[in-house]
């Protein structure tokens, strides 16, 4: 049985943008990079829980809109000198559709 949840067509997420999914326990931000890679992370910066979905995407990272913390989208780790992490979830594109495994956090912080 598959844990992958269909989210949206890739072209419905702007490059360097995101979409937010709300689950029973949290919001998850799904990001699309300039290279059309997708990443899913808990929509809360480890610093002050700022909405990462409203941040600026650059490379495979996002900058929190509240206090400029940079979060690596693949690992969920804050990039130095800041320390902390946010949950990440497996994400993929198949046939132009974005899927996220909402049941299996790759990293639980």
PDB file of N, CA and C in Angstrom:
ATOM      1  N   UNK A   1       0.849  -1.190   0.000  1.00  0.00           N
ATOM      2  CA  UNK A   1       0.000   0.000   0.000  1.00  0.00           C
ATOM      3  C   UNK A   1       0.887   1.244   0.000  1.00  0.00           C
ATOM      4  N   UNK A   2       0.572   2.149  -0.850  1.00  0.00           N
ATOM      5  CA  UNK A   2       1.381   3.355  -1.017  1.00  0.00           C
ATOM      6  C   UNK A   2       1.022   4.418   0.010  1.00  0.00           C
ATOM      7  N   UNK A   3       2.047   5.105   0.493  1.00  0.00           N
ATOM      8  CA  UNK A   3       1.823   6.226   1.406  1.00  0.00           C
ATOM      9  C   UNK A   3       1.840   7.557   0.673  1.00  0.00           C
ATOM     10  N   UNK A   4       2.040   7.537  -0.634  1.00  0.00           N
ATOM     11  CA  UNK A   4       2.150   8.787  -1.393  1.00  0.00           C
ATOM     12  C   UNK A   4       0.778   9.425  -1.560  1.00  0.00           C
ATOM     13  N   UNK A   5       0.702  10.716  -1.249  1.00  0.00           N
ATOM     14  CA  UNK A   5      -0.531  11.484  -1.402  1.00  0.00           C
ATOM     15  C   UNK A   5      -0.356  12.452  -2.562  1.00  0.00           C
ATOM     16  N   UNK A   6      -1.292  12.419  -3.510  1.00  0.00           N
ATOM     17  CA  UNK A   6      -1.248  13.352  -4.634  1.00  0.00           C
ATOM     18  C   UNK A   6      -1.536  14.751  -4.112  1.00  0.00           C
ATOM     19  N   UNK A   7      -0.672  15.716  -4.503  1.00  0.00           N
ATOM     20  CA  UNK A   7      -0.807  17.087  -4.013  1.00  0.00           C
ATOM     21  C   UNK A   7      -1.385  18.014  -5.084  1.00  0.00           C
ATOM     22  N   UNK A   8      -0.676  18.142  -6.197  1.00  0.00           N
ATOM     23  CA  UNK A   8      -1.080  19.079  -7.247  1.00  0.00           C
ATOM     24  C   UNK A   8      -0.187  18.851  -8.471  1.00  0.00           C
ATOM     25  N   UNK A   9      -0.617  19.277  -9.649  1.00  0.00           N
ATOM     26  CA  UNK A   9       0.314  19.258 -10.780  1.00  0.00           C
ATOM     27  C   UNK A   9       1.510  20.177 -10.486  1.00  0.00           C
ATOM     28  N   UNK A  10       2.681  19.756 -10.923  1.00  0.00           N
ATOM     29  CA  UNK A  10       3.892  20.550 -10.684  1.00  0.00           C
ATOM     30  C   UNK A  10       3.733  21.983 -11.172  1.00  0.00           C
ATOM     31  N   UNK A  11       3.088  22.174 -12.320  1.00  0.00           N
ATOM     32  CA  UNK A  11       2.972  23.535 -12.870  1.00  0.00           C
ATOM     33  C   UNK A  11       2.033  24.431 -12.064  1.00  0.00           C
ATOM     34  N   UNK A  12       1.364  23.881 -11.051  1.00  0.00           N
ATOM     35  CA  UNK A  12       0.527  24.697 -10.174  1.00  0.00           C
ATOM     36  C   UNK A  12       1.306  25.272  -8.982  1.00  0.00           C
ATOM     37  N   UNK A  13       2.579  24.869  -8.864  1.00  0.00           N
ATOM     38  CA  UNK A  13       3.469  25.458  -7.861  1.00  0.00           C
ATOM     39  C   UNK A  13       4.468  26.313  -8.635  1.00  0.00           C
ATOM     40  N   UNK A  14       4.507  27.615  -8.411  1.00  0.00           N
ATOM     41  CA  UNK A  14       5.445  28.448  -9.176  1.00  0.00           C
ATOM     42  C   UNK A  14       6.885  28.075  -8.847  1.00  0.00           C
ATOM     43  N   UNK A  15       7.760  28.190  -9.852  1.00  0.00           N
ATOM     44  CA  UNK A  15       9.180  27.994  -9.566  1.00  0.00           C
ATOM     45  C   UNK A  15       9.584  28.973  -8.481  1.00  0.00           C
ATOM     46  N   UNK A  16      10.379  28.495  -7.537  1.00  0.00           N
ATOM     47  CA  UNK A  16      10.820  29.260  -6.364  1.00  0.00           C
ATOM     48  C   UNK A  16       9.647  29.623  -5.454  1.00  0.00           C
ATOM     49  N   UNK A  17       8.584  28.833  -5.535  1.00  0.00           N
ATOM     50  CA  UNK A  17       7.409  29.083  -4.710  1.00  0.00           C
ATOM     51  C   UNK A  17       7.002  27.843  -3.946  1.00  0.00           C
ATOM     52  N   UNK A  18       5.826  27.902  -3.321  1.00  0.00           N
ATOM     53  CA  UNK A  18       5.366  26.780  -2.506  1.00  0.00           C
ATOM     54  C   UNK A  18       3.848  26.714  -2.464  1.00  0.00           C
ATOM     55  N   UNK A  19       3.371  25.590  -1.955  1.00  0.00           N
ATOM     56  CA  UNK A  19       1.964  25.377  -1.633  1.00  0.00           C
ATOM     57  C   UNK A  19       1.923  24.795  -0.229  1.00  0.00           C
ATOM     58  N   UNK A  20       0.860  25.040   0.504  1.00  0.00           N
ATOM     59  CA  UNK A  20       0.732  24.534   1.873  1.00  0.00           C
ATOM     60  C   UNK A  20      -0.351  23.466   1.923  1.00  0.00           C
ATOM     61  N   UNK A  21      -0.011  22.368   2.592  1.00  0.00           N
ATOM     62  CA  UNK A  21      -0.940  21.272   2.846  1.00  0.00           C
ATOM     63  C   UNK A  21      -1.220  21.286   4.343  1.00  0.00           C
ATOM     64  N   UNK A  22      -2.466  21.143   4.719  1.00  0.00           N
ATOM     65  CA  UNK A  22      -2.811  21.069   6.134  1.00  0.00           C
ATOM     66  C   UNK A  22      -3.219  19.647   6.471  1.00  0.00           C
ATOM     67  N   UNK A  23      -2.530  19.049   7.447  1.00  0.00           N
ATOM     68  CA  UNK A  23      -2.877  17.713   7.925  1.00  0.00           C
ATOM     69  C   UNK A  23      -3.570  17.855   9.276  1.00  0.00           C
ATOM     70  N   UNK A  24      -3.846  16.736   9.906  1.00  0.00           N
ATOM     71  CA  UNK A  24      -4.482  16.774  11.232  1.00  0.00           C
ATOM     72  C   UNK A  24      -3.562  17.364  12.288  1.00  0.00           C
ATOM     73  N   UNK A  25      -2.245  17.297  12.049  1.00  0.00           N
ATOM     74  CA  UNK A  25      -1.298  17.701  13.093  1.00  0.00           C
ATOM     75  C   UNK A  25      -0.426  18.903  12.749  1.00  0.00           C
ATOM     76  N   UNK A  26      -0.319  19.270  11.463  1.00  0.00           N
ATOM     77  CA  UNK A  26       0.562  20.378  11.101  1.00  0.00           C
ATOM     78  C   UNK A  26       0.312  20.866   9.688  1.00  0.00           C
ATOM     79  N   UNK A  27       0.950  21.995   9.362  1.00  0.00           N
ATOM     80  CA  UNK A  27       1.002  22.467   7.984  1.00  0.00           C
ATOM     81  C   UNK A  27       2.320  22.016   7.384  1.00  0.00           C
ATOM     82  N   UNK A  28       2.276  21.593   6.123  1.00  0.00           N
ATOM     83  CA  UNK A  28       3.475  21.181   5.404  1.00  0.00           C
ATOM     84  C   UNK A  28       3.586  22.061   4.165  1.00  0.00           C
ATOM     85  N   UNK A  29       4.768  22.652   3.973  1.00  0.00           N
ATOM     86  CA  UNK A  29       5.030  23.477   2.800  1.00  0.00           C
ATOM     87  C   UNK A  29       5.720  22.620   1.748  1.00  0.00           C
ATOM     88  N   UNK A  30       5.183  22.635   0.530  1.00  0.00           N
ATOM     89  CA  UNK A  30       5.775  21.913  -0.590  1.00  0.00           C
ATOM     90  C   UNK A  30       6.399  22.953  -1.506  1.00  0.00           C
ATOM     91  N   UNK A  31       7.719  22.865  -1.673  1.00  0.00           N
ATOM     92  CA  UNK A  31       8.485  23.851  -2.439  1.00  0.00           C
ATOM     93  C   UNK A  31       8.882  23.307  -3.799  1.00  0.00           C
ATOM     94  N   UNK A  32       8.963  24.207  -4.770  1.00  0.00           N
ATOM     95  CA  UNK A  32       9.481  23.893  -6.106  1.00  0.00           C
ATOM     96  C   UNK A  32      10.683  24.799  -6.362  1.00  0.00           C
ATOM     97  N   UNK A  33      11.809  24.192  -6.687  1.00  0.00           N
ATOM     98  CA  UNK A  33      13.022  24.969  -6.947  1.00  0.00           C
ATOM     99  C   UNK A  33      13.069  25.408  -8.406  1.00  0.00           C
ATOM    100  N   UNK A  34      14.078  26.194  -8.742  1.00  0.00           N
ATOM    101  CA  UNK A  34      14.275  26.644 -10.119  1.00  0.00           C
ATOM    102  C   UNK A  34      14.550  25.466 -11.045  1.00  0.00           C
ATOM    103  N   UNK A  35      15.100  24.372 -10.493  1.00  0.00           N
ATOM    104  CA  UNK A  35      15.408  23.174 -11.276  1.00  0.00           C
ATOM    105  C   UNK A  35      14.250  22.171 -11.264  1.00  0.00           C
ATOM    106  N   UNK A  36      13.070  22.608 -10.805  1.00  0.00           N
ATOM    107  CA  UNK A  36      11.864  21.777 -10.727  1.00  0.00           C
ATOM    108  C   UNK A  36      11.986  20.603  -9.762  1.00  0.00           C
ATOM    109  N   UNK A  37      12.874  20.705  -8.779  1.00  0.00           N
ATOM    110  CA  UNK A  37      12.910  19.717  -7.707  1.00  0.00           C
ATOM    111  C   UNK A  37      11.829  20.105  -6.705  1.00  0.00           C
ATOM    112  N   UNK A  38      11.279  19.123  -6.005  1.00  0.00           N
ATOM    113  CA  UNK A  38      10.264  19.412  -4.985  1.00  0.00           C
ATOM    114  C   UNK A  38      10.741  18.904  -3.630  1.00  0.00           C
ATOM    115  N   UNK A  39      10.403  19.667  -2.604  1.00  0.00           N
ATOM    116  CA  UNK A  39      10.746  19.344  -1.228  1.00  0.00           C
ATOM    117  C   UNK A  39       9.534  19.643  -0.358  1.00  0.00           C
ATOM    118  N   UNK A  40       9.363  18.859   0.693  1.00  0.00           N
ATOM    119  CA  UNK A  40       8.262  19.085   1.630  1.00  0.00           C
ATOM    120  C   UNK A  40       8.835  19.174   3.041  1.00  0.00           C
ATOM    121  N   UNK A  41       8.493  20.264   3.735  1.00  0.00           N
ATOM    122  CA  UNK A  41       8.963  20.473   5.111  1.00  0.00           C
ATOM    123  C   UNK A  41       7.811  21.013   5.952  1.00  0.00           C
ATOM    124  N   UNK A  42       7.915  20.782   7.259  1.00  0.00           N
ATOM    125  CA  UNK A  42       6.947  21.383   8.167  1.00  0.00           C
ATOM    126  C   UNK A  42       7.009  22.892   7.975  1.00  0.00           C
ATOM    127  N   UNK A  43       5.863  23.520   7.879  1.00  0.00           N
ATOM    128  CA  UNK A  43       5.780  24.952   7.576  1.00  0.00           C
ATOM    129  C   UNK A  43       6.033  25.796   8.828  1.00  0.00           C
ATOM    130  N   UNK A  44       7.167  25.521   9.490  1.00  0.00           N
ATOM    131  CA  UNK A  44       7.494  26.259  10.718  1.00  0.00           C
ATOM    132  C   UNK A  44       9.013  26.305  10.876  1.00  0.00           C
ATOM    133  N   UNK A  45       9.551  27.503  10.891  1.00  0.00           N
ATOM    134  CA  UNK A  45      10.978  27.684  11.115  1.00  0.00           C
ATOM    135  C   UNK A  45      11.321  27.205  12.530  1.00  0.00           C
ATOM    136  N   UNK A  46      12.482  26.551  12.709  1.00  0.00           N
ATOM    137  CA  UNK A  46      12.844  26.088  14.045  1.00  0.00           C
ATOM    138  C   UNK A  46      13.148  27.221  15.031  1.00  0.00           C
ATOM    139  N   UNK A  47      13.291  28.437  14.538  1.00  0.00           N
ATOM    140  CA  UNK A  47      13.614  29.563  15.411  1.00  0.00           C
ATOM    141  C   UNK A  47      12.386  30.056  16.163  1.00  0.00           C
ATOM    142  N   UNK A  48      11.436  30.639  15.443  1.00  0.00           N
ATOM    143  CA  UNK A  48      10.230  31.200  16.075  1.00  0.00           C
ATOM    144  C   UNK A  48       8.956  30.754  15.344  1.00  0.00           C
ATOM    145  N   UNK A  49       9.051  29.602  14.671  1.00  0.00           N
ATOM    146  CA  UNK A  49       7.907  29.006  13.961  1.00  0.00           C
ATOM    147  C   UNK A  49       7.371  29.880  12.831  1.00  0.00           C
ATOM    148  N   UNK A  50       8.247  30.686  12.222  1.00  0.00           N
ATOM    149  CA  UNK A  50       7.837  31.506  11.083  1.00  0.00           C
ATOM    150  C   UNK A  50       7.361  30.636   9.936  1.00  0.00           C
ATOM    151  N   UNK A  51       6.432  31.154   9.110  1.00  0.00           N
ATOM    152  CA  UNK A  51       5.874  30.377   8.006  1.00  0.00           C
ATOM    153  C   UNK A  51       6.877  30.255   6.849  1.00  0.00           C
ATOM    154  N   UNK A  52       7.559  29.130   6.776  1.00  0.00           N
ATOM    155  CA  UNK A  52       8.579  28.948   5.738  1.00  0.00           C
ATOM    156  C   UNK A  52       8.002  29.073   4.328  1.00  0.00           C
ATOM    157  N   UNK A  53       6.719  28.731   4.165  1.00  0.00           N
ATOM    158  CA  UNK A  53       6.080  28.808   2.845  1.00  0.00           C
ATOM    159  C   UNK A  53       6.077  30.234   2.300  1.00  0.00           C
ATOM    160  N   UNK A  54       6.242  31.230   3.164  1.00  0.00           N
ATOM    161  CA  UNK A  54       6.261  32.628   2.730  1.00  0.00           C
ATOM    162  C   UNK A  54       7.685  33.141   2.536  1.00  0.00           C
ATOM    163  N   UNK A  55       8.666  32.253   2.683  1.00  0.00           N
ATOM    164  CA  UNK A  55      10.061  32.648   2.552  1.00  0.00           C
ATOM    165  C   UNK A  55      10.541  32.669   1.117  1.00  0.00           C
ATOM    166  N   UNK A  56      11.791  33.065   0.957  1.00  0.00           N
ATOM    167  CA  UNK A  56      12.424  33.156  -0.361  1.00  0.00           C
ATOM    168  C   UNK A  56      13.224  31.878  -0.606  1.00  0.00           C
ATOM    169  N   UNK A  57      12.933  31.203  -1.731  1.00  0.00           N
ATOM    170  CA  UNK A  57      13.639  29.984  -2.109  1.00  0.00           C
ATOM    171  C   UNK A  57      14.866  30.365  -2.930  1.00  0.00           C
ATOM    172  N   UNK A  58      15.999  29.759  -2.583  1.00  0.00           N
ATOM    173  CA  UNK A  58      17.246  29.984  -3.326  1.00  0.00           C
ATOM    174  C   UNK A  58      18.015  28.675  -3.307  1.00  0.00           C
ATOM    175  N   UNK A  59      18.311  28.148  -4.497  1.00  0.00           N
ATOM    176  CA  UNK A  59      18.933  26.833  -4.569  1.00  0.00           C
ATOM    177  C   UNK A  59      18.001  25.819  -3.937  1.00  0.00           C
ATOM    178  N   UNK A  60      18.534  25.011  -3.010  1.00  0.00           N
ATOM    179  CA  UNK A  60      17.724  24.026  -2.292  1.00  0.00           C
ATOM    180  C   UNK A  60      17.498  24.468  -0.852  1.00  0.00           C
ATOM    181  N   UNK A  61      17.326  25.761  -0.641  1.00  0.00           N
ATOM    182  CA  UNK A  61      17.109  26.318   0.693  1.00  0.00           C
ATOM    183  C   UNK A  61      15.993  27.356   0.633  1.00  0.00           C
ATOM    184  N   UNK A  62      15.469  27.670   1.816  1.00  0.00           N
ATOM    185  CA  UNK A  62      14.472  28.732   1.945  1.00  0.00           C
ATOM    186  C   UNK A  62      14.902  29.628   3.097  1.00  0.00           C
ATOM    187  N   UNK A  63      14.672  30.929   2.941  1.00  0.00           N
ATOM    188  CA  UNK A  63      14.966  31.879   4.006  1.00  0.00           C
ATOM    189  C   UNK A  63      13.660  32.248   4.691  1.00  0.00           C
ATOM    190  N   UNK A  64      13.613  32.062   5.996  1.00  0.00           N
ATOM    191  CA  UNK A  64      12.416  32.367   6.772  1.00  0.00           C
ATOM    192  C   UNK A  64      12.095  33.862   6.660  1.00  0.00           C
ATOM    193  N   UNK A  65      10.825  34.205   6.467  1.00  0.00           N
ATOM    194  CA  UNK A  65      10.460  35.614   6.320  1.00  0.00           C
ATOM    195  C   UNK A  65      10.538  36.421   7.618  1.00  0.00           C
ATOM    196  N   UNK A  66      10.608  35.757   8.768  1.00  0.00           N
ATOM    197  CA  UNK A  66      10.609  36.500  10.025  1.00  0.00           C
ATOM    198  C   UNK A  66      11.997  37.006  10.433  1.00  0.00           C
ATOM    199  N   UNK A  67      12.977  36.105  10.470  1.00  0.00           N
ATOM    200  CA  UNK A  67      14.288  36.484  11.010  1.00  0.00           C
ATOM    201  C   UNK A  67      15.453  36.043  10.139  1.00  0.00           C
ATOM    202  N   UNK A  68      15.174  35.738   8.873  1.00  0.00           N
ATOM    203  CA  UNK A  68      16.196  35.413   7.874  1.00  0.00           C
ATOM    204  C   UNK A  68      16.997  34.149   8.148  1.00  0.00           C
ATOM    205  N   UNK A  69      16.460  33.222   8.928  1.00  0.00           N
ATOM    206  CA  UNK A  69      17.129  31.932   9.075  1.00  0.00           C
ATOM    207  C   UNK A  69      17.031  31.201   7.738  1.00  0.00           C
ATOM    208  N   UNK A  70      18.106  30.535   7.339  1.00  0.00           N
ATOM    209  CA  UNK A  70      18.126  29.757   6.107  1.00  0.00           C
ATOM    210  C   UNK A  70      18.005  28.278   6.463  1.00  0.00           C
ATOM    211  N   UNK A  71      17.043  27.603   5.813  1.00  0.00           N
ATOM    212  CA  UNK A  71      16.760  26.199   6.088  1.00  0.00           C
ATOM    213  C   UNK A  71      17.036  25.387   4.817  1.00  0.00           C
ATOM    214  N   UNK A  72      17.859  24.341   4.963  1.00  0.00           N
ATOM    215  CA  UNK A  72      18.126  23.419   3.859  1.00  0.00           C
ATOM    216  C   UNK A  72      16.859  22.590   3.636  1.00  0.00           C
ATOM    217  N   UNK A  73      16.308  22.632   2.429  1.00  0.00           N
ATOM    218  CA  UNK A  73      15.044  21.951   2.166  1.00  0.00           C
ATOM    219  C   UNK A  73      15.180  20.435   2.138  1.00  0.00           C
ATOM    220  N   UNK A  74      16.363  19.925   1.813  1.00  0.00           N
ATOM    221  CA  UNK A  74      16.516  18.472   1.754  1.00  0.00           C
ATOM    222  C   UNK A  74      16.696  17.842   3.135  1.00  0.00           C
ATOM    223  N   UNK A  75      17.340  18.551   4.040  1.00  0.00           N
ATOM    224  CA  UNK A  75      17.606  17.985   5.369  1.00  0.00           C
ATOM    225  C   UNK A  75      16.745  18.590   6.479  1.00  0.00           C
ATOM    226  N   UNK A  76      16.191  19.774   6.246  1.00  0.00           N
ATOM    227  CA  UNK A  76      15.441  20.479   7.281  1.00  0.00           C
ATOM    228  C   UNK A  76      16.322  21.210   8.275  1.00  0.00           C
ATOM    229  N   UNK A  77      17.648  21.122   8.093  1.00  0.00           N
ATOM    230  CA  UNK A  77      18.605  21.743   9.017  1.00  0.00           C
ATOM    231  C   UNK A  77      18.751  23.237   8.752  1.00  0.00           C
ATOM    232  N   UNK A  78      18.859  24.001   9.832  1.00  0.00           N
ATOM    233  CA  UNK A  78      19.201  25.419   9.713  1.00  0.00           C
ATOM    234  C   UNK A  78      20.652  25.497   9.250  1.00  0.00           C
ATOM    235  N   UNK A  79      20.936  26.437   8.378  1.00  0.00           N
ATOM    236  CA  UNK A  79      22.294  26.615   7.874  1.00  0.00           C
ATOM    237  C   UNK A  79      23.028  27.604   8.760  1.00  0.00           C
ATOM    238  N   UNK A  80      24.292  27.292   9.065  1.00  0.00           N
ATOM    239  CA  UNK A  80      25.112  28.072   9.999  1.00  0.00           C
ATOM    240  C   UNK A  80      25.063  29.561   9.749  1.00  0.00           C
ATOM    241  N   UNK A  81      25.212  30.319  10.806  1.00  0.00           N
ATOM    242  CA  UNK A  81      25.582  29.904  12.154  1.00  0.00           C
ATOM    243  C   UNK A  81      24.384  29.444  13.002  1.00  0.00           C
ATOM    244  N   UNK A  82      23.171  29.479  12.423  1.00  0.00           N
ATOM    245  CA  UNK A  82      21.982  29.098  13.190  1.00  0.00           C
ATOM    246  C   UNK A  82      21.937  27.584  13.390  1.00  0.00           C
ATOM    247  N   UNK A  83      21.246  27.149  14.437  1.00  0.00           N
ATOM    248  CA  UNK A  83      21.123  25.728  14.726  1.00  0.00           C
ATOM    249  C   UNK A  83      19.672  25.373  14.990  1.00  0.00           C
ATOM    250  N   UNK A  84      19.257  24.227  14.496  1.00  0.00           N
ATOM    251  CA  UNK A  84      17.902  23.739  14.664  1.00  0.00           C
ATOM    252  C   UNK A  84      17.471  23.027  13.401  1.00  0.00           C
ATOM    253  N   UNK A  85      16.289  22.450  13.439  1.00  0.00           N
ATOM    254  CA  UNK A  85      15.791  21.770  12.239  1.00  0.00           C
ATOM    255  C   UNK A  85      14.269  21.748  12.249  1.00  0.00           C
ATOM    256  N   UNK A  86      13.722  21.422  11.086  1.00  0.00           N
ATOM    257  CA  UNK A  86      12.291  21.246  10.935  1.00  0.00           C
ATOM    258  C   UNK A  86      12.060  19.911  10.244  1.00  0.00           C
ATOM    259  N   UNK A  87      10.892  19.330  10.424  1.00  0.00           N
ATOM    260  CA  UNK A  87      10.586  18.033   9.831  1.00  0.00           C
ATOM    261  C   UNK A  87      10.597  18.116   8.309  1.00  0.00           C
ATOM    262  N   UNK A  88      11.069  17.053   7.672  1.00  0.00           N
ATOM    263  CA  UNK A  88      11.017  16.931   6.217  1.00  0.00           C
ATOM    264  C   UNK A  88      10.205  15.688   5.868  1.00  0.00           C
ATOM    265  N   UNK A  89       9.667  15.683   4.670  1.00  0.00           N
ATOM    266  CA  UNK A  89       8.850  14.575   4.186  1.00  0.00           C
ATOM    267  C   UNK A  89       9.288  14.221   2.769  1.00  0.00           C
ATOM    268  N   UNK A  90       9.301  12.926   2.417  1.00  0.00           N
ATOM    269  CA  UNK A  90       9.642  12.546   1.050  1.00  0.00           C
ATOM    270  C   UNK A  90       8.675  13.201   0.060  1.00  0.00           C
ATOM    271  N   UNK A  91       9.220  13.709  -1.033  1.00  0.00           N
ATOM    272  CA  UNK A  91       8.406  14.328  -2.079  1.00  0.00           C
ATOM    273  C   UNK A  91       8.959  13.899  -3.430  1.00  0.00           C
ATOM    274  N   UNK A  92       8.069  13.785  -4.412  1.00  0.00           N
ATOM    275  CA  UNK A  92       8.498  13.386  -5.755  1.00  0.00           C
ATOM    276  C   UNK A  92       7.530  13.942  -6.785  1.00  0.00           C
ATOM    277  N   UNK A  93       8.010  13.934  -8.042  1.00  0.00           N
ATOM    278  CA  UNK A  93       7.163  14.285  -9.175  1.00  0.00           C
ATOM    279  C   UNK A  93       7.074  13.046 -10.052  1.00  0.00           C
ATOM    280  N   UNK A  94       5.858  12.640 -10.396  1.00  0.00           N
ATOM    281  CA  UNK A  94       5.641  11.485 -11.251  1.00  0.00           C
ATOM    282  C   UNK A  94       4.557  11.850 -12.250  1.00  0.00           C
ATOM    283  N   UNK A  95       4.915  11.837 -13.532  1.00  0.00           N
ATOM    284  CA  UNK A  95       3.943  12.186 -14.567  1.00  0.00           C
ATOM    285  C   UNK A  95       3.449  13.612 -14.453  1.00  0.00           C
ATOM    286  N   UNK A  96       4.308  14.511 -13.953  1.00  0.00           N
ATOM    287  CA  UNK A  96       3.947  15.915 -13.823  1.00  0.00           C
ATOM    288  C   UNK A  96       3.114  16.234 -12.592  1.00  0.00           C
ATOM    289  N   UNK A  97       2.888  15.236 -11.730  1.00  0.00           N
ATOM    290  CA  UNK A  97       2.099  15.417 -10.511  1.00  0.00           C
ATOM    291  C   UNK A  97       3.034  15.334  -9.303  1.00  0.00           C
ATOM    292  N   UNK A  98       2.834  16.233  -8.336  1.00  0.00           N
ATOM    293  CA  UNK A  98       3.628  16.235  -7.107  1.00  0.00           C
ATOM    294  C   UNK A  98       2.950  15.329  -6.084  1.00  0.00           C
ATOM    295  N   UNK A  99       3.759  14.462  -5.469  1.00  0.00           N
ATOM    296  CA  UNK A  99       3.299  13.566  -4.412  1.00  0.00           C
ATOM    297  C   UNK A  99       4.165  13.782  -3.174  1.00  0.00           C
ATOM    298  N   UNK A 100       3.551  13.637  -2.004  1.00  0.00           N
ATOM    299  CA  UNK A 100       4.289  13.724  -0.741  1.00  0.00           C
ATOM    300  C   UNK A 100       3.862  12.544   0.125  1.00  0.00           C
ATOM    301  N   UNK A 101       4.851  11.942   0.797  1.00  0.00           N
ATOM    302  CA  UNK A 101       4.576  10.874   1.755  1.00  0.00           C
ATOM    303  C   UNK A 101       4.328  11.548   3.102  1.00  0.00           C
ATOM    304  N   UNK A 102       3.094  11.802   3.418  1.00  0.00           N
ATOM    305  CA  UNK A 102       2.717  12.542   4.619  1.00  0.00           C
ATOM    306  C   UNK A 102       2.838  11.717   5.896  1.00  0.00           C
ATOM    307  N   UNK A 103       2.945  10.407   5.752  1.00  0.00           N
ATOM    308  CA  UNK A 103       2.983   9.527   6.920  1.00  0.00           C
ATOM    309  C   UNK A 103       4.390   9.253   7.424  1.00  0.00           C
ATOM    310  N   UNK A 104       5.389   9.536   6.618  1.00  0.00           N
ATOM    311  CA  UNK A 104       6.759   9.181   6.974  1.00  0.00           C
ATOM    312  C   UNK A 104       7.683  10.391   6.907  1.00  0.00           C
ATOM    313  N   UNK A 105       7.815  11.057   8.009  1.00  0.00           N
ATOM    314  CA  UNK A 105       8.743  12.187   8.070  1.00  0.00           C
ATOM    315  C   UNK A 105      10.157  11.650   7.899  1.00  0.00           C
ATOM    316  N   UNK A 106      10.910  12.232   6.959  1.00  0.00           N
ATOM    317  CA  UNK A 106      12.297  11.833   6.744  1.00  0.00           C
ATOM    318  C   UNK A 106      13.141  12.251   7.931  1.00  0.00           C
ATOM    319  N   UNK A 107      12.741  13.324   8.552  1.00  0.00           N
ATOM    320  CA  UNK A 107      13.466  13.835   9.709  1.00  0.00           C
ATOM    321  C   UNK A 107      12.439  14.385  10.675  1.00  0.00           C
ATOM    322  N   UNK A 108      12.447  13.875  11.864  1.00  0.00           N
ATOM    323  CA  UNK A 108      11.553  14.373  12.893  1.00  0.00           C
ATOM    324  C   UNK A 108      12.370  15.206  13.882  1.00  0.00           C
ATOM    325  N   UNK A 109      12.025  16.452  14.018  1.00  0.00           N
ATOM    326  CA  UNK A 109      12.759  17.353  14.910  1.00  0.00           C
ATOM    327  C   UNK A 109      11.934  17.681  16.129  1.00  0.00           C
TER     328      UNK A 109
END
